[in-house]
C-alpha atoms as a PDB file:
ATOM      1  CA  MET A   1     -32.955  -0.533 -11.628  1.00  0.00           C
ATOM      2  CA  LYS A   2     -31.199  -2.121  -8.629  1.00  0.00           C
ATOM      3  CA  GLU A   3     -29.215  -4.348 -10.965  1.00  0.00           C
ATOM      4  CA  ILE A   4     -27.996  -1.311 -12.939  1.00  0.00           C
ATOM      5  CA  ILE A   5     -26.908   0.494  -9.770  1.00  0.00           C
ATOM      6  CA  LEU A   6     -25.097  -2.619  -8.495  1.00  0.00           C
ATOM      7  CA  LEU A   7     -23.307  -3.036 -11.836  1.00  0.00           C
ATOM      8  CA  ALA A   8     -22.217   0.620 -11.759  1.00  0.00           C
ATOM      9  CA  LEU A   9     -20.841   0.211  -8.239  1.00  0.00           C
ATOM     10  CA  LEU A  10     -18.930  -2.924  -9.225  1.00  0.00           C
ATOM     11  CA  CYS A  11     -17.451  -1.167 -12.244  1.00  0.00           C
ATOM     12  CA  THR A  12     -16.378   1.778 -10.069  1.00  0.00           C
ATOM     13  CA  PHE A  13     -14.742  -0.629  -7.589  1.00  0.00           C
ATOM     14  CA  SER A  14     -12.891  -2.410 -10.388  1.00  0.00           C
ATOM     15  CA  LEU A  15     -11.623   0.836 -11.915  1.00  0.00           C
ATOM     16  CA  GLN A  16     -10.080   1.848  -8.596  1.00  0.00           C
ATOM     17  CA  GLN A  17      -8.127  -1.397  -8.305  1.00  0.00           C
ATOM     18  CA  THR A  18      -4.625  -2.000  -9.631  1.00  0.00           C
ATOM     19  CA  VAL A  19      -3.866  -5.658 -10.326  1.00  0.00           C
ATOM     20  CA  LEU A  20      -0.677  -6.752  -8.567  1.00  0.00           C
ATOM     21  CA  LEU A  21      -1.089 -10.433  -9.417  1.00  0.00           C
ATOM     22  CA  SER A  22      -3.580 -12.583 -11.324  1.00  0.00           C
ATOM     23  CA  SER A  23      -3.415 -16.365 -11.581  1.00  0.00           C
ATOM     24  CA  SER A  24      -1.756 -17.676 -14.709  1.00  0.00           C
ATOM     25  CA  ALA A  25       0.420 -20.563 -15.799  1.00  0.00           C
ATOM     26  CA  SER A  26       3.215 -18.052 -16.401  1.00  0.00           C
ATOM     27  CA  ASN A  27       3.480 -16.653 -12.865  1.00  0.00           C
ATOM     28  CA  THR A  28       2.664 -19.638 -10.623  1.00  0.00           C
ATOM     29  CA  ILE A  29       4.494 -22.849  -9.807  1.00  0.00           C
ATOM     30  CA  VAL A  30       3.500 -26.153  -8.177  1.00  0.00           C
ATOM     31  CA  THR A  31       5.498 -26.676  -4.994  1.00  0.00           C
ATOM     32  CA  SER A  32       3.830 -30.006  -4.112  1.00  0.00           C
ATOM     33  CA  PRO A  33       3.594 -32.714  -5.327  1.00  0.00           C
ATOM     34  CA  ALA A  34       6.931 -32.747  -7.106  1.00  0.00           C
ATOM     35  CA  ASN A  35       7.440 -32.925 -10.873  1.00  0.00           C
ATOM     36  CA  PHE A  36       4.218 -31.140 -11.821  1.00  0.00           C
ATOM     37  CA  VAL A  37       3.781 -27.840 -13.654  1.00  0.00           C
ATOM     38  CA  VAL A  38       0.956 -25.319 -13.690  1.00  0.00           C
ATOM     39  CA  VAL A  39      -1.468 -25.384 -16.605  1.00  0.00           C
ATOM     40  CA  HIS A  40      -4.639 -23.504 -17.442  1.00  0.00           C
ATOM     41  CA  GLU A  41      -7.426 -25.804 -16.263  1.00  0.00           C
ATOM     42  CA  ALA A  42      -9.596 -26.567 -19.285  1.00  0.00           C
ATOM     43  CA  TYR A  43     -13.053 -27.211 -17.807  1.00  0.00           C
ATOM     44  CA  HIS A  44     -13.459 -24.042 -15.745  1.00  0.00           C
ATOM     45  CA  ASN A  45     -11.791 -21.770 -18.299  1.00  0.00           C
ATOM     46  CA  ALA A  46     -14.254 -23.038 -20.918  1.00  0.00           C
ATOM     47  CA  ASN A  47     -17.367 -22.879 -18.740  1.00  0.00           C
ATOM     48  CA  ASN A  48     -16.508 -20.085 -16.262  1.00  0.00           C
ATOM     49  CA  PRO A  49     -14.081 -17.743 -18.059  1.00  0.00           C
ATOM     50  CA  ASN A  50     -12.858 -14.578 -16.270  1.00  0.00           C
ATOM     51  CA  TYR A  51     -14.789 -15.771 -13.228  1.00  0.00           C
ATOM     52  CA  ILE A  52     -13.362 -13.240 -10.751  1.00  0.00           C
ATOM     53  CA  GLY A  53     -12.245 -10.600 -13.263  1.00  0.00           C
ATOM     54  CA  TYR A  54      -8.802  -8.934 -13.373  1.00  0.00           C
ATOM     55  CA  GLY A  55      -7.679 -11.221 -16.206  1.00  0.00           C
ATOM     56  CA  ALA A  56      -7.243 -14.176 -13.842  1.00  0.00           C
ATOM     57  CA  ARG A  57      -7.198 -17.703 -15.323  1.00  0.00           C
ATOM     58  CA  TRP A  58      -8.244 -20.989 -13.719  1.00  0.00           C
ATOM     59  CA  ILE A  59      -5.107 -23.036 -13.076  1.00  0.00           C
ATOM     60  CA  TYR A  60      -4.119 -26.430 -11.696  1.00  0.00           C
ATOM     61  CA  LYS A  61      -1.336 -28.984 -12.045  1.00  0.00           C
ATOM     62  CA  ASN A  62      -0.868 -30.864 -15.287  1.00  0.00           C
ATOM     63  CA  GLY A  63      -1.658 -34.528 -15.873  1.00  0.00           C
ATOM     64  CA  SER A  64      -5.430 -34.956 -15.865  1.00  0.00           C
ATOM     65  CA  SER A  65      -8.765 -33.294 -16.547  1.00  0.00           C
ATOM     66  CA  SER A  66     -10.298 -34.945 -13.467  1.00  0.00           C
ATOM     67  CA  TRP A  67      -8.817 -35.793 -10.113  1.00  0.00           C
ATOM     68  CA  PRO A  68      -9.724 -38.246  -7.330  1.00  0.00           C
ATOM     69  CA  ASN A  69     -11.382 -37.176  -4.111  1.00  0.00           C
ATOM     70  CA  GLY A  70      -8.731 -35.842  -1.709  1.00  0.00           C
ATOM     71  CA  ASP A  71      -6.235 -34.888  -4.415  1.00  0.00           C
ATOM     72  CA  GLN A  72      -4.044 -32.042  -3.167  1.00  0.00           C
ATOM     73  CA  ALA A  73      -1.698 -29.507  -4.715  1.00  0.00           C
ATOM     74  CA  SER A  74       0.254 -26.514  -3.389  1.00  0.00           C
ATOM     75  CA  PHE A  75       0.973 -23.387  -5.451  1.00  0.00           C
ATOM     76  CA  LEU A  76       3.300 -20.403  -5.096  1.00  0.00           C
ATOM     77  CA  SER A  77       3.332 -16.983  -6.795  1.00  0.00           C
ATOM     78  CA  ASN A  78       5.665 -14.036  -6.290  1.00  0.00           C
ATOM     79  CA  PHE A  79       4.798 -10.433  -7.040  1.00  0.00           C
ATOM     80  CA  TYR A  80       6.258  -6.979  -6.384  1.00  0.00           C
ATOM     81  CA  ALA A  81       4.503  -4.178  -4.502  1.00  0.00           C
ATOM     82  CA  ASP A  82       5.712  -0.568  -4.313  1.00  0.00           C
ATOM     83  CA  CYS A  83       2.820   0.755  -2.237  1.00  0.00           C
ATOM     84  CA  GLN A  84       2.054  -0.499   1.254  1.00  0.00           C
ATOM     85  CA  ALA A  85      -1.646   0.260   1.345  1.00  0.00           C
ATOM     86  CA  ASN A  86      -3.742  -2.793   2.202  1.00  0.00           C
ATOM     87  CA  ALA A  87      -4.431  -5.086  -0.743  1.00  0.00           C
ATOM     88  CA  THR A  88      -7.271  -7.534  -1.391  1.00  0.00           C
ATOM     89  CA  LEU A  89      -6.999 -11.211  -2.256  1.00  0.00           C
ATOM     90  CA  VAL A  90      -9.844 -12.271  -4.558  1.00  0.00           C
ATOM     91  CA  ILE A  91      -9.921 -16.062  -4.758  1.00  0.00           C
ATOM     92  CA  THR A  92     -11.850 -19.300  -5.074  1.00  0.00           C
ATOM     93  CA  ALA A  93     -10.992 -22.918  -5.795  1.00  0.00           C
ATOM     94  CA  ASP A  94     -12.598 -26.219  -6.730  1.00  0.00           C
ATOM     95  CA  ASN A  95     -13.058 -27.304  -4.012  1.00  0.00           C
ATOM     96  CA  VAL A  96     -11.223 -26.393  -0.771  1.00  0.00           C
ATOM     97  CA  PHE A  97      -8.372 -23.908  -0.419  1.00  0.00           C
ATOM     98  CA  SER A  98      -6.171 -22.272   2.192  1.00  0.00           C
ATOM     99  CA  ALA A  99      -4.077 -19.239   1.241  1.00  0.00           C
ATOM    100  CA  SER A 100      -1.429 -17.151   2.964  1.00  0.00           C
ATOM    101  CA  LEU A 101       0.590 -14.061   2.074  1.00  0.00           C
ATOM    102  CA  ASN A 102       4.192 -13.967   3.301  1.00  0.00           C
ATOM    103  CA  GLY A 103       3.463 -16.701   5.832  1.00  0.00           C
ATOM    104  CA  GLY A 104       0.861 -14.568   7.595  1.00  0.00           C
ATOM    105  CA  ALA A 105      -2.831 -15.154   8.304  1.00  0.00           C
ATOM    106  CA  VAL A 106      -4.429 -18.176   6.625  1.00  0.00           C
ATOM    107  CA  PHE A 107      -7.570 -17.592   4.535  1.00  0.00           C
ATOM    108  CA  THR A 108      -9.845 -20.501   3.670  1.00  0.00           C
ATOM    109  CA  GLY A 109     -12.846 -21.364   1.511  1.00  0.00           C
ATOM    110  CA  ASN A 110     -14.706 -24.532   0.525  1.00  0.00           C
ATOM    111  CA  TRP A 111     -17.345 -23.624  -2.075  1.00  0.00           C
ATOM    112  CA  TRP A 112     -16.040 -22.759  -5.518  1.00  0.00           C
ATOM    113  CA  PRO A 113     -19.058 -20.752  -6.786  1.00  0.00           C
ATOM    114  CA  THR A 114     -18.320 -18.208  -4.014  1.00  0.00           C
ATOM    115  CA  VAL A 115     -15.769 -15.506  -4.817  1.00  0.00           C
ATOM    116  CA  TYR A 116     -13.918 -14.860  -1.550  1.00  0.00           C
ATOM    117  CA  LYS A 117     -12.307 -11.495  -0.753  1.00  0.00           C
ATOM    118  CA  PHE A 118      -9.731 -11.120   2.027  1.00  0.00           C
ATOM    119  CA  THR A 119      -7.905  -7.982   3.189  1.00  0.00           C
ATOM    120  CA  LEU A 120      -4.119  -8.388   3.135  1.00  0.00           C
ATOM    121  CA  THR A 121      -2.633  -6.273   5.917  1.00  0.00           C
ATOM    122  CA  ASN A 122       0.900  -7.699   5.762  1.00  0.00           C
ATOM    123  CA  LEU A 123       1.845  -6.584   2.259  1.00  0.00           C
ATOM    124  CA  ARG A 124       5.587  -5.947   2.036  1.00  0.00           C
ATOM    125  CA  CYS A 125       7.423  -3.230   0.175  1.00  0.00           C
ATOM    126  CA  GLY A 126       9.132  -5.254  -2.552  1.00  0.00           C
ATOM    127  CA  LEU A 127       8.848  -9.027  -3.005  1.00  0.00           C
ATOM    128  CA  ASN A 128       5.695 -10.771  -1.749  1.00  0.00           C
ATOM    129  CA  THR A 129       4.885 -14.474  -1.810  1.00  0.00           C
ATOM    130  CA  LEU A 130       1.384 -15.937  -2.054  1.00  0.00           C
ATOM    131  CA  THR A 131       0.963 -19.642  -1.250  1.00  0.00           C
ATOM    132  CA  VAL A 132      -2.249 -21.590  -1.823  1.00  0.00           C
ATOM    133  CA  ASN A 133      -3.134 -25.196  -1.000  1.00  0.00           C
ATOM    134  CA  VAL A 134      -6.037 -26.807  -2.863  1.00  0.00           C
ATOM    135  CA  THR A 135      -7.898 -30.049  -2.140  1.00  0.00           C
ATOM    136  CA  ASN A 136     -10.375 -31.718  -4.508  1.00  0.00           C
ATOM    137  CA  ARG A 137     -13.515 -33.011  -2.751  1.00  0.00           C
ATOM    138  CA  ASP A 138     -15.422 -34.652  -5.617  1.00  0.00           C
ATOM    139  CA  GLU A 139     -14.713 -38.087  -7.013  1.00  0.00           C
ATOM    140  CA  LYS A 140     -13.024 -37.863 -10.421  1.00  0.00           C
ATOM    141  CA  SER A 141     -13.947 -34.209 -11.049  1.00  0.00           C
ATOM    142  CA  PRO A 142     -12.057 -31.121 -12.232  1.00  0.00           C
ATOM    143  CA  ALA A 143      -9.912 -29.349  -9.656  1.00  0.00           C
ATOM    144  CA  ALA A 144      -8.942 -25.720 -10.160  1.00  0.00           C
ATOM    145  CA  LEU A 145      -7.737 -22.493  -8.568  1.00  0.00           C
ATOM    146  CA  ILE A 146      -8.226 -18.853  -9.540  1.00  0.00           C
ATOM    147  CA  PHE A 147      -7.054 -15.720  -7.717  1.00  0.00           C
ATOM    148  CA  ALA A 148      -5.981 -12.101  -7.993  1.00  0.00           C
ATOM    149  CA  VAL A 149      -4.318  -9.594  -5.673  1.00  0.00           C
ATOM    150  CA  VAL A 150      -5.601  -6.060  -6.228  1.00  0.00           C
ATOM    151  CA  GLN A 151      -4.939  -2.728  -4.543  1.00  0.00           C
ATOM    152  CA  ASN A 152      -6.483   0.743  -4.466  1.00  0.00           C
ATOM    153  CA  GLN A 153      -3.480   2.944  -5.213  1.00  0.00           C
ATOM    154  CA  SER A 154      -5.306   6.281  -5.394  1.00  0.00           C
ATOM    155  CA  LYS A 155      -3.411   7.592  -2.341  1.00  0.00           C
ATOM    156  CA  CYS A 156      -0.182   5.666  -2.695  1.00  0.00           C
ATOM    157  CA  TYR A 157       2.233   8.000  -4.409  1.00  0.00           C
ATOM    158  CA  ASP A 158       1.258  11.507  -3.254  1.00  0.00           C
ATOM    159  CA  CYS A 159       3.759  13.309  -1.037  1.00  0.00           C
ATOM    160  CA  LEU A 160       2.862  16.222   1.223  1.00  0.00           C
ATOM    161  CA  THR A 161       5.350  18.665  -0.246  1.00  0.00           C
ATOM    162  CA  PRO A 162       6.632  19.437  -3.776  1.00  0.00           C
ATOM    163  CA  THR A 163      10.191  19.207  -2.422  1.00  0.00           C
ATOM    164  CA  ALA A 164       9.748  15.435  -1.947  1.00  0.00           C
ATOM    165  CA  PHE A 165       9.261  12.421  -4.203  1.00  0.00           C
ATOM    166  CA  TYR A 166       7.928   8.891  -3.744  1.00  0.00           C
ATOM    167  CA  ASN A 167      10.722   6.313  -3.688  1.00  0.00           C
ATOM    168  CA  ARG A 168       9.286   3.075  -5.093  1.00  0.00           C
ATOM    169  CA  ASN A 169      12.202   1.061  -3.698  1.00  0.00           C
ATOM    170  CA  THR A 170      11.431   2.052  -0.105  1.00  0.00           C
ATOM    171  CA  CYS A 171       7.699   2.784  -0.520  1.00  0.00           C
ATOM    172  CA  LYS A 172       8.187   6.118   1.248  1.00  0.00           C
ATOM    173  CA  CYS A 173       8.339   9.795   0.408  1.00  0.00           C
ATOM    174  CA  GLN A 174      11.762  11.376   0.709  1.00  0.00           C
ATOM    175  CA  CYS A 175      13.261  14.810   0.138  1.00  0.00           C
ATOM    176  CA  LEU A 176      14.527  15.750  -3.297  1.00  0.00           C
ATOM    177  CA  ASP A 177      17.792  17.062  -1.882  1.00  0.00           C
ATOM    178  CA  ARG A 178      19.529  17.740   1.413  1.00  0.00           C
ATOM    179  CA  CYS A 179      21.009  21.139   2.167  1.00  0.00           C
ATOM    180  CA  ASN A 180      23.879  21.850   4.532  1.00  0.00           C
ATOM    181  CA  CYS A 181      22.266  23.777   7.358  1.00  0.00           C
ATOM    182  CA  ALA A 182      25.540  24.263   9.226  1.00  0.00           C
ATOM    183  CA  THR A 183      26.883  26.587   6.531  1.00  0.00           C
ATOM    184  CA  ALA A 184      23.886  28.855   7.024  1.00  0.00           C
ATOM    185  CA  SER A 185      24.027  28.967  10.799  1.00  0.00           C
ATOM    186  CA  PRO A 186      24.929  26.583  13.628  1.00  0.00           C
ATOM    187  CA  ARG A 187      21.442  27.260  14.990  1.00  0.00           C
ATOM    188  CA  TYR A 188      19.939  25.084  12.236  1.00  0.00           C
ATOM    189  CA  ILE A 189      19.794  21.339  11.618  1.00  0.00           C
ATOM    190  CA  TRP A 190      18.488  19.377   8.626  1.00  0.00           C
ATOM    191  CA  ALA A 191      14.923  18.040   8.915  1.00  0.00           C
ATOM    192  CA  GLY A 192      13.847  15.284   6.525  1.00  0.00           C
ATOM    193  CA  TYR A 193      10.428  14.505   5.100  1.00  0.00           C
ATOM    194  CA  PRO A 194       7.899  16.101   5.309  1.00  0.00           C
ATOM    195  CA  ILE A 195       9.807  19.286   6.228  1.00  0.00           C
ATOM    196  CA  CYS A 196      12.614  18.797   3.711  1.00  0.00           C
ATOM    197  CA  GLY A 197      14.611  21.768   4.903  1.00  0.00           C
ATOM    198  CA  CYS A 198      16.515  23.405   7.722  1.00  0.00           C
ATOM    199  CA  ARG A 199      14.872  23.893  11.084  1.00  0.00           C
ATOM    200  CA  CYS A 200      15.975  25.337  14.394  1.00  0.00           C
ATOM    201  CA  ARG A 201      18.242  23.112  16.410  1.00  0.00           C
ATOM    202  CA  GLN A 202      16.365  24.166  19.542  1.00  0.00           C
ATOM    203  CA  VAL A 203      12.888  25.577  20.057  1.00  0.00           C
ATOM    204  CA  LEU A 204      13.140  28.144  22.849  1.00  0.00           C
ATOM    205  CA  ARG A 205      10.557  28.806  25.531  1.00  0.00           C
ATOM    206  CA  CYS A 206       9.870  32.515  25.348  1.00  0.00           C
ATOM    207  CA  ALA A 207       8.568  34.991  27.889  1.00  0.00           C
ATOM    208  CA  THR A 208       4.890  35.868  27.762  1.00  0.00           C
ATOM    209  CA  ASN A 209       5.560  39.091  25.842  1.00  0.00           C
ATOM    210  CA  ARG A 210       7.691  37.287  23.255  1.00  0.00           C
ATOM    211  CA  TYR A 211       7.186  34.524  20.646  1.00  0.00           C
ATOM    212  CA  PHE A 212       9.546  32.026  19.066  1.00  0.00           C
ATOM    213  CA  ASN A 213      10.463  32.874  15.473  1.00  0.00           C
ATOM    214  CA  PRO A 214      11.516  29.729  13.505  1.00  0.00           C
ATOM    215  CA  GLN A 215      13.164  31.872  10.844  1.00  0.00           C
ATOM    216  CA  THR A 216      15.685  33.419  13.251  1.00  0.00           C
ATOM    217  CA  CYS A 217      15.511  30.686  15.924  1.00  0.00           C
ATOM    218  CA  THR A 218      15.166  33.400  18.553  1.00  0.00           C
ATOM    219  CA  CYS A 219      12.491  34.904  20.778  1.00  0.00           C
ATOM    220  CA  LEU A 220      11.117  38.165  19.378  1.00  0.00           C
ATOM    221  CA  CYS A 221       8.799  40.716  20.880  1.00  0.00           C
ATOM    222  CA  LYS A 222       5.100  40.327  20.289  1.00  0.00           C
ATOM    223  CA  PRO A 223       4.046  43.425  18.346  1.00  0.00           C
ATOM    224  CA  ILE A 224       2.160  46.015  20.401  1.00  0.00           C
ATOM    225  CA  SER A 225       0.577  49.357  19.622  1.00  0.00           C
ATOM    226  CA  CYS A 226       2.481  52.438  20.808  1.00  0.00           C
ATOM    227  CA  LEU A 227       1.260  56.027  21.042  1.00  0.00           C
ATOM    228  CA  PRO A 228       2.431  58.605  18.496  1.00  0.00           C
ATOM    229  CA  GLY A 229       6.010  59.556  19.259  1.00  0.00           C
ATOM    230  CA  TYR A 230       6.763  56.164  20.814  1.00  0.00           C
ATOM    231  CA  TYR A 231       8.179  52.928  19.403  1.00  0.00           C
ATOM    232  CA  GLN A 232       8.508  49.364  20.626  1.00  0.00           C
ATOM    233  CA  ASP A 233      11.925  48.648  22.099  1.00  0.00           C
ATOM    234  CA  GLN A 234      12.995  45.160  20.905  1.00  0.00           C
ATOM    235  CA  ASN A 235      15.132  44.672  24.005  1.00  0.00           C
ATOM    236  CA  THR A 236      12.376  45.264  26.542  1.00  0.00           C
ATOM    237  CA  CYS A 237       9.346  44.823  24.247  1.00  0.00           C
ATOM    238  CA  LEU A 238       7.903  47.981  25.841  1.00  0.00           C
ATOM    239  CA  CYS A 239       7.046  51.307  24.270  1.00  0.00           C
ATOM    240  CA  ARG A 240       9.763  53.976  24.501  1.00  0.00           C
ATOM    241  CA  LYS A 241       9.640  57.615  23.593  1.00  0.00           C
ATOM    242  CA  ARG A 242      11.584  58.581  20.547  1.00  0.00           C
ATOM    243  CA  THR A 243      14.534  60.791  21.314  1.00  0.00           C
ATOM    244  CA  ALA A 244      15.014  62.260  17.883  1.00  0.00           C
END
C-alpha cells in the first residue's frame, strides 16, 4: 500500500513539472577536452534507460566505451526560460560531477545510483547556461552524465487583472494598453500593472468628516443621516434645512 501511495505522489510531482532541458546529444556540447563531441553513452542507456525520467539520456564524450580512472570532461547546455519561478536540476553522473547554472552555486555528487535534486534560484528570463564537469573514478569503466531541468509552471503566467497579459520576453505581466490620462483630467496619471489605468496624481488627506474619492480625486463628505426637511450640505458636510 505504501508503495502505491509513493508511486502516486511521484506521478503527481512529475505531472506538475515542465521540462526546460533534458540531456541529449543534440543539445549538449563538450567544452573540454577539445575535439570531442557528445554521444549517447551505450552502457547506461542499455542498462539504466530513462533513469531520472523527463526523457533524459545518458551522455558522454565520444571515443571509448570505457575510460581510465581520473578521466575528465566538461559539458555545456543552453536553454530558454520564460518563467522565473525556481527550477530544479535533476542529475547524476558516473562517477563524480559538479554543476552550475549561469556561473552560480556549484552542486556536486559522487555516487551515480543516487538521483540528486537541486533548487535553482538564479534562473534567468531568457537564455540560461548549464555547465557540468564529470570525473571517472573507476579504472577502465563507463563514464556518463544524465540531467534534466524542470519547473512547476502552475503559477507562472497568471496576471492579476484581465487588462494585463504575460510578456514571455520579459517574464512579467504588463498592461494591454496605455490610455492618455491627461486628456481626461490633469488630476490623473497613468498607473501600470497591476492597476493598468488612470489614478489620481495626488491622494489628498481629508478632514475627519470627509473621505478621499479616487474617482473624482477630491475629498467628499462622509454621508450622514439628516432629519426630515433637512439635507446634507456638501460644502460644510452638515445638515441644513431645506428652504423650498
